[in-house]
């Protein structure tokens, strides 16, 4: 059996690929190149998870036809904002999966976590947000009171 965190990871990677395919239609130049490169990373990660699950005797969950995304994509700025938010979701999910994985699956989750955190920071920087990262990316925010 594959670690249960991999199913969560796979679903998040499906969502990321979906979001990148929508956002790419509004991007040009270097932003489009970055989006295409990042989409490939998510596709490769998705494929790797599917192979891991199959080798472990699990059937990967099916991809949804569409995903509920955090906002509409109407222009370049909204496309970058969507991708920043998707990378935050991906970073948060992979961070949470670390506790539920072991061995090679945990190593893959840690790599996915760090990769998504870096990509999130790049999209935040592209939006002009500062700071573009935090000490513990993907960690839920806690407010006193």
N, C-alpha and C. Protein backbone atom coordinates (compact mmCIF):
# COMPACT_ATOMS: atom_id res chain seq x y z
N UNK A 1 0.84 -1.19 0.00
CA UNK A 1 0.00 0.00 0.00
C UNK A 1 0.88 1.25 0.00
N UNK A 2 0.51 2.19 -0.80
CA UNK A 2 1.21 3.48 -0.82
C UNK A 2 0.76 4.29 0.39
N UNK A 3 1.60 5.22 0.81
CA UNK A 3 1.23 6.10 1.91
C UNK A 3 -0.02 6.88 1.53
N UNK A 4 -0.94 7.08 2.52
CA UNK A 4 -2.21 7.75 2.23
C UNK A 4 -2.02 9.18 1.76
N UNK A 5 -0.92 9.79 2.15
CA UNK A 5 -0.65 11.16 1.73
C UNK A 5 -0.49 11.30 0.22
N UNK A 6 -0.10 10.22 -0.43
CA UNK A 6 0.08 10.30 -1.88
C UNK A 6 -1.23 10.57 -2.61
N UNK A 7 -2.34 10.05 -2.10
CA UNK A 7 -3.63 10.33 -2.73
C UNK A 7 -3.95 11.82 -2.65
N UNK A 8 -3.68 12.41 -1.50
CA UNK A 8 -3.89 13.85 -1.35
C UNK A 8 -2.97 14.62 -2.30
N UNK A 9 -1.73 14.17 -2.37
CA UNK A 9 -0.77 14.81 -3.26
C UNK A 9 -1.20 14.73 -4.71
N UNK A 10 -1.69 13.58 -5.11
CA UNK A 10 -2.13 13.41 -6.49
C UNK A 10 -3.29 14.33 -6.81
N UNK A 11 -4.25 14.42 -5.92
CA UNK A 11 -5.40 15.31 -6.17
C UNK A 11 -4.95 16.77 -6.29
N UNK A 12 -4.00 17.16 -5.47
CA UNK A 12 -3.50 18.53 -5.53
C UNK A 12 -2.73 18.78 -6.82
N UNK A 13 -1.99 17.80 -7.27
CA UNK A 13 -1.26 17.94 -8.53
C UNK A 13 -2.22 18.01 -9.72
N UNK A 14 -3.30 17.25 -9.67
CA UNK A 14 -4.34 17.37 -10.70
C UNK A 14 -4.85 18.81 -10.77
N UNK A 15 -5.16 19.37 -9.60
CA UNK A 15 -5.68 20.73 -9.54
C UNK A 15 -4.65 21.73 -10.09
N UNK A 16 -3.39 21.54 -9.75
CA UNK A 16 -2.35 22.45 -10.22
C UNK A 16 -2.23 22.42 -11.75
N UNK A 17 -2.24 21.23 -12.33
CA UNK A 17 -2.16 21.11 -13.79
C UNK A 17 -3.35 21.81 -14.43
N UNK A 18 -4.52 21.62 -13.87
CA UNK A 18 -5.74 22.27 -14.37
C UNK A 18 -5.60 23.79 -14.32
N UNK A 19 -5.14 24.30 -13.18
CA UNK A 19 -4.99 25.75 -13.01
C UNK A 19 -3.97 26.33 -13.99
N UNK A 20 -2.85 25.65 -14.16
CA UNK A 20 -1.83 26.15 -15.08
C UNK A 20 -2.36 26.17 -16.51
N UNK A 21 -3.17 25.18 -16.88
CA UNK A 21 -3.70 25.17 -18.25
C UNK A 21 -4.65 26.34 -18.48
N UNK A 22 -5.41 26.73 -17.47
CA UNK A 22 -6.30 27.89 -17.60
C UNK A 22 -5.53 29.20 -17.59
N UNK A 23 -4.60 29.33 -16.67
CA UNK A 23 -3.86 30.58 -16.52
C UNK A 23 -2.97 30.86 -17.73
N UNK A 24 -2.43 29.82 -18.32
CA UNK A 24 -1.53 30.00 -19.45
C UNK A 24 -2.13 30.78 -20.60
N UNK A 25 -3.43 30.71 -20.75
CA UNK A 25 -4.10 31.43 -21.85
C UNK A 25 -4.02 32.94 -21.69
N UNK A 26 -3.74 33.42 -20.48
CA UNK A 26 -3.67 34.86 -20.23
C UNK A 26 -2.24 35.37 -20.07
N UNK A 27 -1.27 34.50 -20.20
CA UNK A 27 0.12 34.89 -19.98
C UNK A 27 0.88 35.00 -21.29
N UNK A 28 1.91 35.82 -21.28
CA UNK A 28 2.78 35.99 -22.45
C UNK A 28 4.23 36.05 -21.98
N UNK A 29 5.14 35.96 -22.94
CA UNK A 29 6.56 36.15 -22.66
C UNK A 29 7.11 35.24 -21.58
N UNK A 30 7.93 35.83 -20.70
CA UNK A 30 8.60 35.06 -19.65
C UNK A 30 7.61 34.43 -18.67
N UNK A 31 6.50 35.12 -18.41
CA UNK A 31 5.49 34.56 -17.50
C UNK A 31 4.89 33.28 -18.10
N UNK A 32 4.63 33.29 -19.40
CA UNK A 32 4.10 32.10 -20.06
C UNK A 32 5.13 30.97 -20.04
N UNK A 33 6.39 31.31 -20.30
CA UNK A 33 7.45 30.30 -20.27
C UNK A 33 7.55 29.68 -18.88
N UNK A 34 7.48 30.52 -17.84
CA UNK A 34 7.54 30.01 -16.46
C UNK A 34 6.34 29.12 -16.17
N UNK A 35 5.17 29.54 -16.61
CA UNK A 35 3.96 28.74 -16.37
C UNK A 35 4.05 27.38 -17.07
N UNK A 36 4.54 27.38 -18.30
CA UNK A 36 4.66 26.12 -19.03
C UNK A 36 5.67 25.19 -18.35
N UNK A 37 6.77 25.76 -17.88
CA UNK A 37 7.77 24.96 -17.18
C UNK A 37 7.22 24.40 -15.87
N UNK A 38 6.50 25.24 -15.13
CA UNK A 38 5.92 24.80 -13.86
C UNK A 38 4.82 23.77 -14.07
N UNK A 39 4.04 23.95 -15.13
CA UNK A 39 3.00 22.96 -15.43
C UNK A 39 3.64 21.60 -15.70
N UNK A 40 4.76 21.60 -16.41
CA UNK A 40 5.47 20.35 -16.68
C UNK A 40 5.93 19.69 -15.38
N UNK A 41 6.43 20.50 -14.45
CA UNK A 41 6.85 19.96 -13.15
C UNK A 41 5.66 19.27 -12.47
N UNK A 42 4.51 19.92 -12.48
CA UNK A 42 3.33 19.32 -11.85
C UNK A 42 2.86 18.08 -12.60
N UNK A 43 2.93 18.09 -13.92
CA UNK A 43 2.55 16.90 -14.70
C UNK A 43 3.50 15.73 -14.39
N UNK A 44 4.80 16.03 -14.35
CA UNK A 44 5.78 14.99 -14.04
C UNK A 44 5.57 14.44 -12.63
N UNK A 45 5.29 15.33 -11.68
CA UNK A 45 5.05 14.91 -10.30
C UNK A 45 3.78 14.04 -10.23
N UNK A 46 2.75 14.47 -10.93
CA UNK A 46 1.51 13.68 -11.00
C UNK A 46 1.80 12.28 -11.52
N UNK A 47 2.54 12.21 -12.62
CA UNK A 47 2.86 10.91 -13.22
C UNK A 47 3.68 10.04 -12.28
N UNK A 48 4.64 10.65 -11.57
CA UNK A 48 5.46 9.92 -10.61
C UNK A 48 4.60 9.34 -9.49
N UNK A 49 3.67 10.13 -8.98
CA UNK A 49 2.79 9.65 -7.91
C UNK A 49 1.94 8.48 -8.41
N UNK A 50 1.44 8.59 -9.62
CA UNK A 50 0.61 7.51 -10.18
C UNK A 50 1.42 6.22 -10.29
N UNK A 51 2.67 6.32 -10.71
CA UNK A 51 3.54 5.14 -10.80
C UNK A 51 3.79 4.57 -9.41
N UNK A 52 4.09 5.43 -8.44
CA UNK A 52 4.33 4.97 -7.07
C UNK A 52 3.12 4.22 -6.52
N UNK A 53 1.95 4.79 -6.73
CA UNK A 53 0.73 4.17 -6.21
C UNK A 53 0.47 2.83 -6.89
N UNK A 54 0.64 2.78 -8.19
CA UNK A 54 0.41 1.54 -8.94
C UNK A 54 1.38 0.45 -8.50
N UNK A 55 2.66 0.82 -8.33
CA UNK A 55 3.66 -0.15 -7.88
C UNK A 55 3.34 -0.67 -6.48
N UNK A 56 2.70 0.16 -5.67
CA UNK A 56 2.34 -0.23 -4.30
C UNK A 56 1.03 -1.01 -4.26
N UNK A 57 0.41 -1.22 -5.43
CA UNK A 57 -0.83 -1.98 -5.49
C UNK A 57 -2.08 -1.16 -5.29
N UNK A 58 -1.96 0.15 -5.33
CA UNK A 58 -3.12 1.04 -5.18
C UNK A 58 -3.55 1.57 -6.54
N UNK A 59 -4.83 1.84 -6.66
CA UNK A 59 -5.34 2.46 -7.87
C UNK A 59 -5.40 3.97 -7.64
N UNK A 60 -4.69 4.75 -8.46
CA UNK A 60 -4.74 6.20 -8.29
C UNK A 60 -6.16 6.73 -8.49
N UNK A 61 -6.58 7.71 -7.68
CA UNK A 61 -7.90 8.30 -7.89
C UNK A 61 -7.96 8.98 -9.25
N UNK A 62 -9.14 9.00 -9.83
CA UNK A 62 -9.33 9.62 -11.14
C UNK A 62 -9.28 11.14 -11.03
N UNK A 63 -8.87 11.74 -12.12
CA UNK A 63 -8.85 13.20 -12.21
C UNK A 63 -10.28 13.70 -12.40
N UNK A 64 -10.59 14.85 -11.81
CA UNK A 64 -11.91 15.47 -11.98
C UNK A 64 -11.97 16.15 -13.35
N UNK A 65 -13.16 16.40 -13.83
CA UNK A 65 -13.33 17.11 -15.10
C UNK A 65 -12.97 18.58 -14.96
N UNK A 66 -13.20 19.14 -13.78
CA UNK A 66 -12.88 20.55 -13.50
C UNK A 66 -12.66 20.70 -12.00
N UNK A 67 -12.03 21.80 -11.62
CA UNK A 67 -11.73 22.07 -10.21
C UNK A 67 -12.22 23.46 -9.83
N UNK A 68 -12.65 23.60 -8.59
CA UNK A 68 -13.07 24.90 -8.07
C UNK A 68 -11.81 25.68 -7.74
N UNK A 69 -11.56 26.73 -8.49
CA UNK A 69 -10.34 27.51 -8.31
C UNK A 69 -10.65 28.80 -7.55
N UNK A 70 -9.65 29.35 -6.88
CA UNK A 70 -9.86 30.55 -6.06
C UNK A 70 -9.85 31.84 -6.88
N UNK A 71 -10.82 32.03 -7.71
CA UNK A 71 -10.89 33.26 -8.49
C UNK A 71 -10.91 33.00 -9.98
N UNK A 72 -11.37 34.01 -10.71
CA UNK A 72 -11.43 33.93 -12.17
C UNK A 72 -10.11 34.40 -12.77
N UNK A 73 -9.82 33.88 -13.94
CA UNK A 73 -8.65 34.31 -14.69
C UNK A 73 -9.15 35.14 -15.86
N UNK A 74 -8.88 36.45 -15.79
CA UNK A 74 -9.37 37.36 -16.83
C UNK A 74 -8.26 38.14 -17.52
N UNK A 75 -7.07 38.15 -16.90
CA UNK A 75 -5.95 38.89 -17.46
C UNK A 75 -4.65 38.33 -16.87
N UNK A 76 -3.53 38.95 -17.24
CA UNK A 76 -2.24 38.43 -16.78
C UNK A 76 -2.10 38.50 -15.26
N UNK A 77 -2.54 39.59 -14.67
CA UNK A 77 -2.41 39.73 -13.21
C UNK A 77 -3.23 38.67 -12.48
N UNK A 78 -4.46 38.44 -12.91
CA UNK A 78 -5.29 37.43 -12.24
C UNK A 78 -4.75 36.02 -12.49
N UNK A 79 -4.12 35.80 -13.64
CA UNK A 79 -3.49 34.50 -13.91
C UNK A 79 -2.33 34.26 -12.96
N UNK A 80 -1.48 35.27 -12.78
CA UNK A 80 -0.36 35.14 -11.84
C UNK A 80 -0.85 34.96 -10.41
N UNK A 81 -1.91 35.68 -10.04
CA UNK A 81 -2.48 35.55 -8.70
C UNK A 81 -3.02 34.14 -8.47
N UNK A 82 -3.68 33.59 -9.48
CA UNK A 82 -4.19 32.22 -9.37
C UNK A 82 -3.03 31.25 -9.16
N UNK A 83 -1.98 31.39 -9.95
CA UNK A 83 -0.87 30.46 -9.85
C UNK A 83 -0.14 30.59 -8.51
N UNK A 84 -0.05 31.80 -8.00
CA UNK A 84 0.52 32.01 -6.67
C UNK A 84 -0.31 31.28 -5.62
N UNK A 85 -1.62 31.41 -5.70
CA UNK A 85 -2.52 30.75 -4.74
C UNK A 85 -2.47 29.23 -4.89
N UNK A 86 -2.41 28.75 -6.12
CA UNK A 86 -2.33 27.30 -6.35
C UNK A 86 -1.04 26.74 -5.76
N UNK A 87 0.06 27.47 -5.94
CA UNK A 87 1.33 27.01 -5.36
C UNK A 87 1.28 27.06 -3.84
N UNK A 88 0.57 28.03 -3.27
CA UNK A 88 0.39 28.06 -1.81
C UNK A 88 -0.38 26.81 -1.36
N UNK A 89 -1.46 26.50 -2.06
CA UNK A 89 -2.24 25.29 -1.74
C UNK A 89 -1.37 24.04 -1.85
N UNK A 90 -0.60 23.98 -2.93
CA UNK A 90 0.25 22.82 -3.16
C UNK A 90 1.32 22.71 -2.07
N UNK A 91 1.93 23.84 -1.74
CA UNK A 91 2.93 23.86 -0.67
C UNK A 91 2.32 23.41 0.65
N UNK A 92 1.16 23.93 0.98
CA UNK A 92 0.49 23.57 2.24
C UNK A 92 0.15 22.09 2.28
N UNK A 93 -0.35 21.58 1.17
CA UNK A 93 -0.72 20.17 1.13
C UNK A 93 0.50 19.28 1.29
N UNK A 94 1.59 19.57 0.54
CA UNK A 94 2.78 18.73 0.65
C UNK A 94 3.39 18.82 2.04
N UNK A 95 3.31 19.99 2.66
CA UNK A 95 3.80 20.13 4.03
C UNK A 95 3.02 19.21 4.95
N UNK A 96 1.70 19.16 4.80
CA UNK A 96 0.88 18.31 5.66
C UNK A 96 1.10 16.83 5.37
N UNK A 97 1.43 16.48 4.15
CA UNK A 97 1.63 15.08 3.77
C UNK A 97 2.92 14.52 4.36
N UNK A 98 3.88 15.36 4.65
CA UNK A 98 5.16 14.87 5.18
C UNK A 98 4.97 13.98 6.40
N UNK A 99 4.03 14.32 7.27
CA UNK A 99 3.81 13.53 8.48
C UNK A 99 3.21 12.16 8.20
N UNK A 100 2.56 12.01 7.06
CA UNK A 100 1.87 10.76 6.73
C UNK A 100 2.62 9.89 5.74
N UNK A 101 3.85 10.23 5.43
CA UNK A 101 4.61 9.46 4.46
C UNK A 101 5.89 8.92 5.09
N UNK A 102 6.44 7.90 4.45
CA UNK A 102 7.69 7.30 4.92
C UNK A 102 8.56 6.98 3.71
N UNK A 103 9.83 6.72 3.97
CA UNK A 103 10.75 6.26 2.94
C UNK A 103 10.81 7.14 1.71
N UNK A 104 10.76 6.49 0.54
CA UNK A 104 10.85 7.20 -0.72
C UNK A 104 9.68 8.15 -0.96
N UNK A 105 8.51 7.78 -0.43
CA UNK A 105 7.35 8.66 -0.58
C UNK A 105 7.57 9.96 0.20
N UNK A 106 8.16 9.84 1.37
CA UNK A 106 8.42 11.05 2.18
C UNK A 106 9.47 11.92 1.49
N UNK A 107 10.47 11.30 0.92
CA UNK A 107 11.51 12.05 0.20
C UNK A 107 10.89 12.80 -0.98
N UNK A 108 9.99 12.14 -1.70
CA UNK A 108 9.31 12.78 -2.83
C UNK A 108 8.42 13.92 -2.35
N UNK A 109 7.74 13.73 -1.21
CA UNK A 109 6.88 14.78 -0.65
C UNK A 109 7.72 15.99 -0.23
N UNK A 110 8.88 15.75 0.37
CA UNK A 110 9.75 16.86 0.79
C UNK A 110 10.25 17.64 -0.42
N UNK A 111 10.59 16.93 -1.48
CA UNK A 111 11.04 17.59 -2.70
C UNK A 111 9.91 18.41 -3.32
N UNK A 112 8.71 17.85 -3.33
CA UNK A 112 7.54 18.57 -3.87
C UNK A 112 7.24 19.80 -3.03
N UNK A 113 7.35 19.67 -1.71
CA UNK A 113 7.11 20.80 -0.80
C UNK A 113 8.07 21.94 -1.09
N UNK A 114 9.35 21.64 -1.16
CA UNK A 114 10.33 22.71 -1.37
C UNK A 114 10.20 23.31 -2.77
N UNK A 115 9.93 22.49 -3.76
CA UNK A 115 9.76 23.00 -5.12
C UNK A 115 8.55 23.93 -5.22
N UNK A 116 7.44 23.53 -4.62
CA UNK A 116 6.24 24.36 -4.65
C UNK A 116 6.43 25.66 -3.89
N UNK A 117 7.16 25.62 -2.79
CA UNK A 117 7.42 26.84 -2.01
C UNK A 117 8.24 27.84 -2.82
N UNK A 118 9.23 27.35 -3.53
CA UNK A 118 10.05 28.23 -4.37
C UNK A 118 9.21 28.81 -5.51
N UNK A 119 8.41 27.98 -6.14
CA UNK A 119 7.56 28.45 -7.24
C UNK A 119 6.54 29.47 -6.74
N UNK A 120 5.97 29.24 -5.56
CA UNK A 120 5.03 30.20 -4.98
C UNK A 120 5.72 31.55 -4.79
N UNK A 121 6.93 31.54 -4.26
CA UNK A 121 7.67 32.79 -4.04
C UNK A 121 7.93 33.51 -5.35
N UNK A 122 8.22 32.77 -6.39
CA UNK A 122 8.46 33.39 -7.70
C UNK A 122 7.21 34.07 -8.25
N UNK A 123 6.05 33.43 -8.10
CA UNK A 123 4.81 34.05 -8.57
C UNK A 123 4.47 35.27 -7.72
N UNK A 124 4.71 35.20 -6.42
CA UNK A 124 4.46 36.37 -5.56
C UNK A 124 5.36 37.53 -5.98
N UNK A 125 6.61 37.22 -6.28
CA UNK A 125 7.55 38.25 -6.73
C UNK A 125 7.08 38.83 -8.06
N UNK A 126 6.57 37.99 -8.94
CA UNK A 126 6.07 38.47 -10.24
C UNK A 126 4.87 39.40 -10.07
N UNK A 127 4.14 39.23 -8.97
CA UNK A 127 3.01 40.10 -8.67
C UNK A 127 3.43 41.36 -7.91
N UNK A 128 4.72 41.43 -7.54
CA UNK A 128 5.21 42.57 -6.79
C UNK A 128 4.93 42.47 -5.30
N UNK A 129 4.57 41.29 -4.81
CA UNK A 129 4.28 41.11 -3.39
C UNK A 129 5.57 41.02 -2.59
N UNK A 130 5.54 41.62 -1.42
CA UNK A 130 6.70 41.58 -0.54
C UNK A 130 6.22 41.45 0.90
N UNK A 131 6.75 40.53 1.66
CA UNK A 131 7.76 39.55 1.25
C UNK A 131 7.12 38.47 0.37
N UNK A 132 7.95 37.85 -0.42
CA UNK A 132 7.42 36.84 -1.34
C UNK A 132 7.39 35.45 -0.71
N UNK A 133 7.96 35.31 0.47
CA UNK A 133 7.94 34.02 1.15
C UNK A 133 7.93 34.24 2.65
N UNK A 134 7.79 33.15 3.39
CA UNK A 134 7.79 33.19 4.84
C UNK A 134 8.80 32.17 5.36
N UNK A 135 9.03 32.21 6.65
CA UNK A 135 10.00 31.28 7.24
C UNK A 135 9.58 29.82 7.08
N UNK A 136 8.29 29.56 7.17
CA UNK A 136 7.78 28.20 7.04
C UNK A 136 6.66 28.17 6.01
N UNK A 137 7.00 28.14 4.72
CA UNK A 137 5.97 28.18 3.68
C UNK A 137 4.95 27.05 3.84
N UNK A 138 3.69 27.41 3.62
CA UNK A 138 2.64 26.41 3.70
C UNK A 138 2.10 26.18 5.09
N UNK A 139 2.70 26.81 6.07
CA UNK A 139 2.23 26.66 7.45
C UNK A 139 0.97 27.49 7.65
N UNK A 140 -0.05 26.90 8.27
CA UNK A 140 -1.27 27.68 8.52
C UNK A 140 -0.95 28.91 9.37
N UNK A 141 -1.58 30.02 9.03
CA UNK A 141 -1.38 31.24 9.79
C UNK A 141 -2.17 31.18 11.09
N UNK A 142 -1.56 31.60 12.17
CA UNK A 142 -2.22 31.64 13.46
C UNK A 142 -2.22 33.08 13.96
N UNK A 143 -3.36 33.54 14.40
CA UNK A 143 -3.47 34.90 14.89
C UNK A 143 -3.89 34.86 16.36
N UNK A 144 -3.25 35.70 17.19
CA UNK A 144 -3.61 35.71 18.61
C UNK A 144 -5.04 36.21 18.81
N UNK A 145 -5.67 35.72 19.87
CA UNK A 145 -6.99 36.21 20.23
C UNK A 145 -8.02 35.35 19.70
